[in-house]
Amino acid sequence: MDYFIIVVTTAAGLYFHWWLFRRIRQWSDRDLALSLAAGDEPMRQYMLEQLARAQREGVRRRDLPDWLERAAAQYRASDSERAGKS
């Protein structure tokens, strides 16, 4: 019975650490995307959509900051074009 308790608690602890690690990575990726929006509400929504797109496309985590910065630059460029046409 002692071994069963040790195995169960070890498995639960490992699962909890894995789950927490994944959540912290998700939070940090979301925080990165939102920090690039700089408080602009439409851009915040756009950046969250781009983060979801990057995850669907399988962008590696180490490439994610550059990928999101390019998406933010594209948004700013298209936003300045819209402002110029108005």
PDB file of N, CA and C in Angstrom:
ATOM      1  N   MET A   1       0.819  -1.194   0.000  1.00  0.00           N
ATOM      2  CA  MET A   1       0.000   0.000   0.000  1.00  0.00           C
ATOM      3  C   MET A   1       0.865   1.262   0.000  1.00  0.00           C
ATOM      4  N   ASP A   2       2.018   1.187   0.674  1.00  0.00           N
ATOM      5  CA  ASP A   2       2.903   2.348   0.728  1.00  0.00           C
ATOM      6  C   ASP A   2       3.398   2.727  -0.667  1.00  0.00           C
ATOM      7  N   TYR A   3       3.750   1.718  -1.462  1.00  0.00           N
ATOM      8  CA  TYR A   3       4.235   1.995  -2.812  1.00  0.00           C
ATOM      9  C   TYR A   3       3.148   2.620  -3.676  1.00  0.00           C
ATOM     10  N   PHE A   4       1.917   2.174  -3.501  1.00  0.00           N
ATOM     11  CA  PHE A   4       0.795   2.734  -4.248  1.00  0.00           C
ATOM     12  C   PHE A   4       0.645   4.221  -3.938  1.00  0.00           C
ATOM     13  N   ILE A   5       0.717   4.588  -2.684  1.00  0.00           N
ATOM     14  CA  ILE A   5       0.591   5.992  -2.279  1.00  0.00           C
ATOM     15  C   ILE A   5       1.737   6.810  -2.868  1.00  0.00           C
ATOM     16  N   ILE A   6       2.932   6.276  -2.830  1.00  0.00           N
ATOM     17  CA  ILE A   6       4.088   6.983  -3.382  1.00  0.00           C
ATOM     18  C   ILE A   6       3.931   7.183  -4.883  1.00  0.00           C
ATOM     19  N   VAL A   7       3.499   6.143  -5.593  1.00  0.00           N
ATOM     20  CA  VAL A   7       3.322   6.234  -7.050  1.00  0.00           C
ATOM     21  C   VAL A   7       2.234   7.248  -7.387  1.00  0.00           C
ATOM     22  N   VAL A   8       1.118   7.198  -6.692  1.00  0.00           N
ATOM     23  CA  VAL A   8       0.003   8.109  -6.976  1.00  0.00           C
ATOM     24  C   VAL A   8       0.399   9.554  -6.688  1.00  0.00           C
ATOM     25  N   THR A   9       1.018   9.824  -5.572  1.00  0.00           N
ATOM     26  CA  THR A   9       1.393  11.201  -5.247  1.00  0.00           C
ATOM     27  C   THR A   9       2.486  11.712  -6.178  1.00  0.00           C
ATOM     28  N   THR A  10       3.404  10.859  -6.569  1.00  0.00           N
ATOM     29  CA  THR A  10       4.444  11.262  -7.514  1.00  0.00           C
ATOM     30  C   THR A  10       3.838  11.579  -8.873  1.00  0.00           C
ATOM     31  N   ALA A  11       2.932  10.727  -9.336  1.00  0.00           N
ATOM     32  CA  ALA A  11       2.273  10.968 -10.626  1.00  0.00           C
ATOM     33  C   ALA A  11       1.454  12.258 -10.573  1.00  0.00           C
ATOM     34  N   ALA A  12       0.734  12.478  -9.489  1.00  0.00           N
ATOM     35  CA  ALA A  12      -0.066  13.697  -9.361  1.00  0.00           C
ATOM     36  C   ALA A  12       0.832  14.934  -9.331  1.00  0.00           C
ATOM     37  N   GLY A  13       1.946  14.838  -8.626  1.00  0.00           N
ATOM     38  CA  GLY A  13       2.881  15.966  -8.569  1.00  0.00           C
ATOM     39  C   GLY A  13       3.498  16.267  -9.919  1.00  0.00           C
ATOM     40  N   LEU A  14       3.886  15.236 -10.655  1.00  0.00           N
ATOM     41  CA  LEU A  14       4.457  15.436 -11.989  1.00  0.00           C
ATOM     42  C   LEU A  14       3.424  16.041 -12.941  1.00  0.00           C
ATOM     43  N   TYR A  15       2.195  15.541 -12.883  1.00  0.00           N
ATOM     44  CA  TYR A  15       1.132  16.094 -13.732  1.00  0.00           C
ATOM     45  C   TYR A  15       0.881  17.561 -13.399  1.00  0.00           C
ATOM     46  N   PHE A  16       0.827  17.886 -12.115  1.00  0.00           N
ATOM     47  CA  PHE A  16       0.599  19.273 -11.710  1.00  0.00           C
ATOM     48  C   PHE A  16       1.716  20.177 -12.211  1.00  0.00           C
ATOM     49  N   HIS A  17       2.957  19.752 -12.107  1.00  0.00           N
ATOM     50  CA  HIS A  17       4.073  20.565 -12.583  1.00  0.00           C
ATOM     51  C   HIS A  17       4.023  20.740 -14.099  1.00  0.00           C
ATOM     52  N   TRP A  18       3.682  19.691 -14.822  1.00  0.00           N
ATOM     53  CA  TRP A  18       3.541  19.788 -16.276  1.00  0.00           C
ATOM     54  C   TRP A  18       2.434  20.769 -16.630  1.00  0.00           C
ATOM     55  N   TRP A  19       1.283  20.640 -15.954  1.00  0.00           N
ATOM     56  CA  TRP A  19       0.144  21.519 -16.220  1.00  0.00           C
ATOM     57  C   TRP A  19       0.502  22.970 -15.921  1.00  0.00           C
ATOM     58  N   LEU A  20       1.156  23.229 -14.809  1.00  0.00           N
ATOM     59  CA  LEU A  20       1.553  24.579 -14.427  1.00  0.00           C
ATOM     60  C   LEU A  20       2.558  25.155 -15.420  1.00  0.00           C
ATOM     61  N   PHE A  21       3.501  24.348 -15.859  1.00  0.00           N
ATOM     62  CA  PHE A  21       4.479  24.787 -16.852  1.00  0.00           C
ATOM     63  C   PHE A  21       3.796  25.217 -18.134  1.00  0.00           C
ATOM     64  N   ARG A  22       2.840  24.406 -18.606  1.00  0.00           N
ATOM     65  CA  ARG A  22       2.099  24.749 -19.829  1.00  0.00           C
ATOM     66  C   ARG A  22       1.308  26.042 -19.667  1.00  0.00           C
ATOM     67  N   ARG A  23       0.636  26.225 -18.526  1.00  0.00           N
ATOM     68  CA  ARG A  23      -0.152  27.430 -18.272  1.00  0.00           C
ATOM     69  C   ARG A  23       0.749  28.672 -18.248  1.00  0.00           C
ATOM     70  N   ILE A  24       1.890  28.580 -17.615  1.00  0.00           N
ATOM     71  CA  ILE A  24       2.804  29.728 -17.553  1.00  0.00           C
ATOM     72  C   ILE A  24       3.296  30.080 -18.950  1.00  0.00           C
ATOM     73  N   ARG A  25       3.580  29.078 -19.776  1.00  0.00           N
ATOM     74  CA  ARG A  25       3.980  29.361 -21.162  1.00  0.00           C
ATOM     75  C   ARG A  25       2.861  30.040 -21.930  1.00  0.00           C
ATOM     76  N   GLN A  26       1.622  29.587 -21.763  1.00  0.00           N
ATOM     77  CA  GLN A  26       0.487  30.224 -22.426  1.00  0.00           C
ATOM     78  C   GLN A  26       0.328  31.665 -21.965  1.00  0.00           C
ATOM     79  N   TRP A  27       0.449  31.887 -20.664  1.00  0.00           N
ATOM     80  CA  TRP A  27       0.308  33.242 -20.130  1.00  0.00           C
ATOM     81  C   TRP A  27       1.409  34.158 -20.648  1.00  0.00           C
ATOM     82  N   SER A  28       2.624  33.648 -20.727  1.00  0.00           N
ATOM     83  CA  SER A  28       3.726  34.494 -21.196  1.00  0.00           C
ATOM     84  C   SER A  28       3.580  34.802 -22.689  1.00  0.00           C
ATOM     85  N   ASP A  29       3.115  33.837 -23.486  1.00  0.00           N
ATOM     86  CA  ASP A  29       2.878  34.096 -24.913  1.00  0.00           C
ATOM     87  C   ASP A  29       1.775  35.132 -25.089  1.00  0.00           C
ATOM     88  N   ARG A  30       0.713  35.012 -24.311  1.00  0.00           N
ATOM     89  CA  ARG A  30      -0.395  35.976 -24.379  1.00  0.00           C
ATOM     90  C   ARG A  30       0.085  37.358 -23.944  1.00  0.00           C
ATOM     91  N   ASP A  31       0.881  37.404 -22.898  1.00  0.00           N
ATOM     92  CA  ASP A  31       1.411  38.672 -22.419  1.00  0.00           C
ATOM     93  C   ASP A  31       2.301  39.321 -23.474  1.00  0.00           C
ATOM     94  N   LEU A  32       3.095  38.535 -24.175  1.00  0.00           N
ATOM     95  CA  LEU A  32       3.940  39.061 -25.242  1.00  0.00           C
ATOM     96  C   LEU A  32       3.088  39.677 -26.343  1.00  0.00           C
ATOM     97  N   ALA A  33       2.061  38.964 -26.766  1.00  0.00           N
ATOM     98  CA  ALA A  33       1.189  39.476 -27.825  1.00  0.00           C
ATOM     99  C   ALA A  33       0.505  40.770 -27.393  1.00  0.00           C
ATOM    100  N   LEU A  34       0.026  40.822 -26.158  1.00  0.00           N
ATOM    101  CA  LEU A  34      -0.667  42.017 -25.685  1.00  0.00           C
ATOM    102  C   LEU A  34       0.290  43.185 -25.457  1.00  0.00           C
ATOM    103  N   SER A  35       1.531  42.890 -25.102  1.00  0.00           N
ATOM    104  CA  SER A  35       2.490  43.979 -24.889  1.00  0.00           C
ATOM    105  C   SER A  35       2.835  44.667 -26.207  1.00  0.00           C
ATOM    106  N   LEU A  36       2.779  43.929 -27.300  1.00  0.00           N
ATOM    107  CA  LEU A  36       3.052  44.535 -28.600  1.00  0.00           C
ATOM    108  C   LEU A  36       1.903  45.426 -29.064  1.00  0.00           C
ATOM    109  N   ALA A  37       0.721  45.246 -28.478  1.00  0.00           N
ATOM    110  CA  ALA A  37      -0.443  46.062 -28.859  1.00  0.00           C
ATOM    111  C   ALA A  37      -0.410  47.432 -28.205  1.00  0.00           C
ATOM    112  N   ALA A  38       0.304  47.583 -27.111  1.00  0.00           N
ATOM    113  CA  ALA A  38       0.500  48.874 -26.439  1.00  0.00           C
ATOM    114  C   ALA A  38      -0.810  49.580 -26.092  1.00  0.00           C
ATOM    115  N   GLY A  39      -1.794  48.834 -25.607  1.00  0.00           N
ATOM    116  CA  GLY A  39      -3.016  49.449 -25.117  1.00  0.00           C
ATOM    117  C   GLY A  39      -4.059  49.792 -26.164  1.00  0.00           C
ATOM    118  N   ASP A  40      -3.768  49.597 -27.425  1.00  0.00           N
ATOM    119  CA  ASP A  40      -4.724  49.869 -28.504  1.00  0.00           C
ATOM    120  C   ASP A  40      -5.684  48.682 -28.582  1.00  0.00           C
ATOM    121  N   GLU A  41      -6.964  48.906 -28.236  1.00  0.00           N
ATOM    122  CA  GLU A  41      -7.920  47.795 -28.123  1.00  0.00           C
ATOM    123  C   GLU A  41      -8.109  47.014 -29.430  1.00  0.00           C
ATOM    124  N   PRO A  42      -8.309  47.670 -30.586  1.00  0.00           N
ATOM    125  CA  PRO A  42      -8.421  46.861 -31.808  1.00  0.00           C
ATOM    126  C   PRO A  42      -7.149  46.062 -32.110  1.00  0.00           C
ATOM    127  N   MET A  43      -6.003  46.645 -31.793  1.00  0.00           N
ATOM    128  CA  MET A  43      -4.749  45.929 -32.036  1.00  0.00           C
ATOM    129  C   MET A  43      -4.586  44.778 -31.047  1.00  0.00           C
ATOM    130  N   ARG A  44      -5.075  44.937 -29.821  1.00  0.00           N
ATOM    131  CA  ARG A  44      -5.028  43.835 -28.849  1.00  0.00           C
ATOM    132  C   ARG A  44      -5.774  42.626 -29.403  1.00  0.00           C
ATOM    133  N   GLN A  45      -6.956  42.877 -29.928  1.00  0.00           N
ATOM    134  CA  GLN A  45      -7.751  41.782 -30.498  1.00  0.00           C
ATOM    135  C   GLN A  45      -7.027  41.158 -31.696  1.00  0.00           C
ATOM    136  N   TYR A  46      -6.455  42.003 -32.530  1.00  0.00           N
ATOM    137  CA  TYR A  46      -5.708  41.529 -33.694  1.00  0.00           C
ATOM    138  C   TYR A  46      -4.523  40.666 -33.260  1.00  0.00           C
ATOM    139  N   MET A  47      -3.798  41.115 -32.238  1.00  0.00           N
ATOM    140  CA  MET A  47      -2.623  40.360 -31.802  1.00  0.00           C
ATOM    141  C   MET A  47      -3.014  39.018 -31.179  1.00  0.00           C
ATOM    142  N   LEU A  48      -4.135  38.976 -30.470  1.00  0.00           N
ATOM    143  CA  LEU A  48      -4.586  37.688 -29.930  1.00  0.00           C
ATOM    144  C   LEU A  48      -4.982  36.742 -31.059  1.00  0.00           C
ATOM    145  N   GLU A  49      -5.584  37.291 -32.115  1.00  0.00           N
ATOM    146  CA  GLU A  49      -5.909  36.468 -33.281  1.00  0.00           C
ATOM    147  C   GLU A  49      -4.637  35.960 -33.950  1.00  0.00           C
ATOM    148  N   GLN A  50      -3.626  36.814 -34.026  1.00  0.00           N
ATOM    149  CA  GLN A  50      -2.360  36.402 -34.631  1.00  0.00           C
ATOM    150  C   GLN A  50      -1.656  35.351 -33.784  1.00  0.00           C
ATOM    151  N   LEU A  51      -1.766  35.460 -32.468  1.00  0.00           N
ATOM    152  CA  LEU A  51      -1.188  34.448 -31.585  1.00  0.00           C
ATOM    153  C   LEU A  51      -1.873  33.100 -31.824  1.00  0.00           C
ATOM    154  N   ALA A  52      -3.184  33.111 -31.938  1.00  0.00           N
ATOM    155  CA  ALA A  52      -3.913  31.871 -32.217  1.00  0.00           C
ATOM    156  C   ALA A  52      -3.512  31.319 -33.584  1.00  0.00           C
ATOM    157  N   ARG A  53      -3.344  32.205 -34.554  1.00  0.00           N
ATOM    158  CA  ARG A  53      -2.921  31.776 -35.891  1.00  0.00           C
ATOM    159  C   ARG A  53      -1.527  31.144 -35.855  1.00  0.00           C
ATOM    160  N   ALA A  54      -0.621  31.770 -35.106  1.00  0.00           N
ATOM    161  CA  ALA A  54       0.742  31.234 -34.988  1.00  0.00           C
ATOM    162  C   ALA A  54       0.710  29.848 -34.362  1.00  0.00           C
ATOM    163  N   GLN A  55      -0.139  29.655 -33.376  1.00  0.00           N
ATOM    164  CA  GLN A  55      -0.238  28.345 -32.737  1.00  0.00           C
ATOM    165  C   GLN A  55      -0.816  27.314 -33.701  1.00  0.00           C
ATOM    166  N   ARG A  56      -1.810  27.717 -34.493  1.00  0.00           N
ATOM    167  CA  ARG A  56      -2.391  26.791 -35.481  1.00  0.00           C
ATOM    168  C   ARG A  56      -1.363  26.411 -36.547  1.00  0.00           C
ATOM    169  N   GLU A  57      -0.540  27.394 -36.944  1.00  0.00           N
ATOM    170  CA  GLU A  57       0.462  27.144 -37.981  1.00  0.00           C
ATOM    171  C   GLU A  57       1.695  26.428 -37.450  1.00  0.00           C
ATOM    172  N   GLY A  58       1.787  26.280 -36.154  1.00  0.00           N
ATOM    173  CA  GLY A  58       2.906  25.556 -35.569  1.00  0.00           C
ATOM    174  C   GLY A  58       4.204  26.358 -35.513  1.00  0.00           C
ATOM    175  N   VAL A  59       4.096  27.662 -35.315  1.00  0.00           N
ATOM    176  CA  VAL A  59       5.292  28.494 -35.184  1.00  0.00           C
ATOM    177  C   VAL A  59       6.018  28.080 -33.908  1.00  0.00           C
ATOM    178  N   ARG A  60       7.301  27.834 -34.034  1.00  0.00           N
ATOM    179  CA  ARG A  60       8.079  27.427 -32.865  1.00  0.00           C
ATOM    180  C   ARG A  60       8.121  28.552 -31.841  1.00  0.00           C
ATOM    181  N   ARG A  61       8.206  28.161 -30.598  1.00  0.00           N
ATOM    182  CA  ARG A  61       8.158  29.145 -29.518  1.00  0.00           C
ATOM    183  C   ARG A  61       9.331  30.121 -29.593  1.00  0.00           C
ATOM    184  N   ARG A  62      10.484  29.662 -29.999  1.00  0.00           N
ATOM    185  CA  ARG A  62      11.631  30.568 -30.082  1.00  0.00           C
ATOM    186  C   ARG A  62      11.483  31.563 -31.227  1.00  0.00           C
ATOM    187  N   ASP A  63      10.677  31.221 -32.241  1.00  0.00           N
ATOM    188  CA  ASP A  63      10.430  32.128 -33.358  1.00  0.00           C
ATOM    189  C   ASP A  63       9.217  33.024 -33.130  1.00  0.00           C
ATOM    190  N   LEU A  64       8.459  32.760 -32.093  1.00  0.00           N
ATOM    191  CA  LEU A  64       7.212  33.481 -31.852  1.00  0.00           C
ATOM    192  C   LEU A  64       7.399  34.980 -31.644  1.00  0.00           C
ATOM    193  N   PRO A  65       8.381  35.456 -30.869  1.00  0.00           N
ATOM    194  CA  PRO A  65       8.518  36.907 -30.712  1.00  0.00           C
ATOM    195  C   PRO A  65       8.725  37.639 -32.040  1.00  0.00           C
ATOM    196  N   ASP A  66       9.597  37.118 -32.890  1.00  0.00           N
ATOM    197  CA  ASP A  66       9.818  37.754 -34.193  1.00  0.00           C
ATOM    198  C   ASP A  66       8.568  37.695 -35.057  1.00  0.00           C
ATOM    199  N   TRP A  67       7.882  36.563 -35.008  1.00  0.00           N
ATOM    200  CA  TRP A  67       6.663  36.385 -35.801  1.00  0.00           C
ATOM    201  C   TRP A  67       5.600  37.398 -35.369  1.00  0.00           C
ATOM    202  N   LEU A  68       5.437  37.555 -34.059  1.00  0.00           N
ATOM    203  CA  LEU A  68       4.440  38.507 -33.560  1.00  0.00           C
ATOM    204  C   LEU A  68       4.851  39.952 -33.841  1.00  0.00           C
ATOM    205  N   GLU A  69       6.140  40.247 -33.784  1.00  0.00           N
ATOM    206  CA  GLU A  69       6.596  41.604 -34.103  1.00  0.00           C
ATOM    207  C   GLU A  69       6.322  41.941 -35.562  1.00  0.00           C
ATOM    208  N   ARG A  70       6.508  40.982 -36.455  1.00  0.00           N
ATOM    209  CA  ARG A  70       6.177  41.219 -37.868  1.00  0.00           C
ATOM    210  C   ARG A  70       4.680  41.446 -38.045  1.00  0.00           C
ATOM    211  N   ALA A  71       3.873  40.687 -37.326  1.00  0.00           N
ATOM    212  CA  ALA A  71       2.415  40.864 -37.408  1.00  0.00           C
ATOM    213  C   ALA A  71       2.023  42.243 -36.889  1.00  0.00           C
ATOM    214  N   ALA A  72       2.659  42.694 -35.817  1.00  0.00           N
ATOM    215  CA  ALA A  72       2.364  44.024 -35.276  1.00  0.00           C
ATOM    216  C   ALA A  72       2.791  45.107 -36.262  1.00  0.00           C
ATOM    217  N   ALA A  73       3.927  44.914 -36.913  1.00  0.00           N
ATOM    218  CA  ALA A  73       4.392  45.898 -37.901  1.00  0.00           C
ATOM    219  C   ALA A  73       3.439  45.949 -39.091  1.00  0.00           C
ATOM    220  N   GLN A  74       2.936  44.796 -39.516  1.00  0.00           N
ATOM    221  CA  GLN A  74       1.965  44.776 -40.612  1.00  0.00           C
ATOM    222  C   GLN A  74       0.686  45.498 -40.217  1.00  0.00           C
ATOM    223  N   TYR A  75       0.254  45.317 -38.980  1.00  0.00           N
ATOM    224  CA  TYR A  75      -0.957  45.993 -38.507  1.00  0.00           C
ATOM    225  C   TYR A  75      -0.749  47.504 -38.508  1.00  0.00           C
ATOM    226  N   ARG A  76       0.404  47.931 -37.991  1.00  0.00           N
ATOM    227  CA  ARG A  76       0.677  49.375 -37.948  1.00  0.00           C
ATOM    228  C   ARG A  76       0.764  49.958 -39.344  1.00  0.00           C
ATOM    229  N   ALA A  77       1.369  49.219 -40.279  1.00  0.00           N
ATOM    230  CA  ALA A  77       1.483  49.693 -41.661  1.00  0.00           C
ATOM    231  C   ALA A  77       0.107  49.799 -42.305  1.00  0.00           C
ATOM    232  N   SER A  78      -0.726  48.789 -42.103  1.00  0.00           N
ATOM    233  CA  SER A  78      -2.065  48.849 -42.692  1.00  0.00           C
ATOM    234  C   SER A  78      -2.919  49.905 -41.997  1.00  0.00           C
ATOM    235  N   ASP A  79      -2.688  50.123 -40.706  1.00  0.00           N
ATOM    236  CA  ASP A  79      -3.423  51.151 -39.970  1.00  0.00           C
ATOM    237  C   ASP A  79      -3.037  52.545 -40.452  1.00  0.00           C
ATOM    238  N   SER A  80      -1.751  52.755 -40.730  1.00  0.00           N
ATOM    239  CA  SER A  80      -1.319  54.065 -41.225  1.00  0.00           C
ATOM    240  C   SER A  80      -1.827  54.296 -42.655  1.00  0.00           C
ATOM    241  N   GLU A  81      -1.932  53.226 -43.446  1.00  0.00           N
ATOM    242  CA  GLU A  81      -2.499  53.357 -44.797  1.00  0.00           C
ATOM    243  C   GLU A  81      -3.976  53.745 -44.723  1.00  0.00           C
ATOM    244  N   ARG A  82      -4.714  53.125 -43.779  1.00  0.00           N
ATOM    245  CA  ARG A  82      -6.128  53.469 -43.614  1.00  0.00           C
ATOM    246  C   ARG A  82      -6.285  54.902 -43.151  1.00  0.00           C
ATOM    247  N   ALA A  83      -5.398  55.359 -42.269  1.00  0.00           N
ATOM    248  CA  ALA A  83      -5.466  56.727 -41.777  1.00  0.00           C
ATOM    249  C   ALA A  83      -5.118  57.712 -42.882  1.00  0.00           C
ATOM    250  N   GLY A  84      -4.212  57.317 -43.779  1.00  0.00           N
ATOM    251  CA  GLY A  84      -3.824  58.189 -44.891  1.00  0.00           C
ATOM    252  C   GLY A  84      -4.918  58.317 -45.930  1.00  0.00           C
ATOM    253  N   LYS A  85      -5.718  57.282 -46.099  1.00  0.00           N
ATOM    254  CA  LYS A  85      -6.799  57.308 -47.086  1.00  0.00           C
ATOM    255  C   LYS A  85      -8.009  58.082 -46.582  1.00  0.00           C
ATOM    256  N   SER A  86      -8.146  58.209 -45.282  1.00  0.00           N
ATOM    257  CA  SER A  86      -9.320  58.907 -44.726  1.00  0.00           C
ATOM    258  C   SER A  86      -9.220  60.383 -44.838  1.00  0.00           C
TER     259      SER A  86
END
